[in-house]
Amino acid sequence: MSGRSSTFVKTLTLATILFTSFLLLAQSQWKEIPVGYNMPKSAMAAAPAAPAPFPSTPKGANNSTYAGEGRDPNHPWEVEFHGGGFFNLGGEGGGTAKILPAGAVFTGFGGQSRAESSYMFGDGAILFNTVGTAFGFRNIAPLDPLLASQFGQRNNGPSLGMRIGRDLNQWFQIELSADWTTSAVEISDKNLLAFESTRQSVADGFTDLSNFSAGPPASAIADIRRSEGSQLFWTGVVNVNLKTSGKTVPYLTFGGGAVSRLGPTPHAAILGSYSFNNISQMDIVNIEARAPRTQGLGVLGGGIRYYATPRWGLRLDVRDHVAPNSINTLLTATPNTPPGAPPAALALSTGGSNRLTFTNDPSFGPSTLSGPTIHGLKTFRPDGITNQLSTSVGVFYRF
């Protein structure tokens, strides 16, 4: 290769190296120039603003989430469903018994007698036993002790209920509740034994009367519904928290409301009948223990809430429902002396108006068993108070 060619190649190689170095240097300098460098202010103002940082909390999230233990103050409402029982603590006092009037004197077959609504109580039992003793009849054990006392008592029973409440502040909560319990009014064993004694004595006394007149044996049938009804409690109370934090919060309860009686009432009835000489008569008596349909009451109690979470929990509650004792004793008596044929009459007397008269025809005058029908006569009105203690365990939710 000639000297001229060698010099040309060297020159071309050096120029290539210098050009490449220049391009690399220019590229590195361009990347390091900041945005907006040496740009007019008008261009900077027209440029779009930089996007805001991505929010740390998703849109719509609740920023008041409670992270502590115990009650969540951000959800003041509370609903609860519970079960338990009601227990009668007694507390009944005495009462006032009604004096049953004597039968009105009338003059009929054989002389004077007294119009009685029944031979099972009051003046009717006195008259039957006075005359019957003289003729050898067994006496009737009158119902008077039962009519002059409280015939039925409230018993115990399971219950179901619900409550809804709202916090007024961290110390006080108002609450409405409804509780249904099977606690019925029940006739005691003692009263049932006394009632059965009367029923048997009526059968014996009426049979002796029928046998005296050559009639068939008499009968006395009992119809008893010993335990009947249920209760519905409607109450409004204020709960006072004894502490305001923690998973366990005890409280006291004060308030009042009403209780409603549901369903029928217990009763015991005797249907006594006798028949002789074409005379057939029936003596029907019913004793009922009836509570008011609705009555007011007061509420005292307390309990404990356990917050498994700030919104869910368990609750143990005890309350005393204090109300007037008002289970009255009511009497119904229905004498039945239908006409018969042929006409007949019989009179048994020990003198004066102590006379038992039996007729089947108005021409002979009325029978002794012809007094007025008695319907729902209140023979005993109790006084004092009743205490029904409720205990319940429930699950509540705050919202």
Foldseek 3Di string as FASTA:
>chain_A
DDPVVVVVVVVVVVVVVVVVVVVVVVVVVVVPQDPPVPHDPVVVVPDDDDDDDDDPDDPPDDPQDDDAAAADPVFFKKKKKWKFKKAWPDFFDFWFFDQDDAFCWDAFFPGIAGADLFCQADNNQVLLCVLCVVVVAQGALHPVVCLAGQQWDWGMWMKIKMKMWGDPDLFKIKMKMKMKTAGWIFGDPVNVVSVVSRQVSLQRRQQVVQVVQPHDRKHKDKDWDGTWWIKMWIWMWMWGWPDRDDQKIKTKIWTKGKMATDTDWTKMKIWIWHDHPQWIKIKIKMKTFDADRMDMWIKTWIWMWGHPGNFKTKIKIKMKTKGWDWRFIWMWIHIGTEAGPPWDKDWGAPDDNSIFITTRDCVRPDGSNRDDTGDGHGRIGTGTMIIMMIIIMMMMGTD
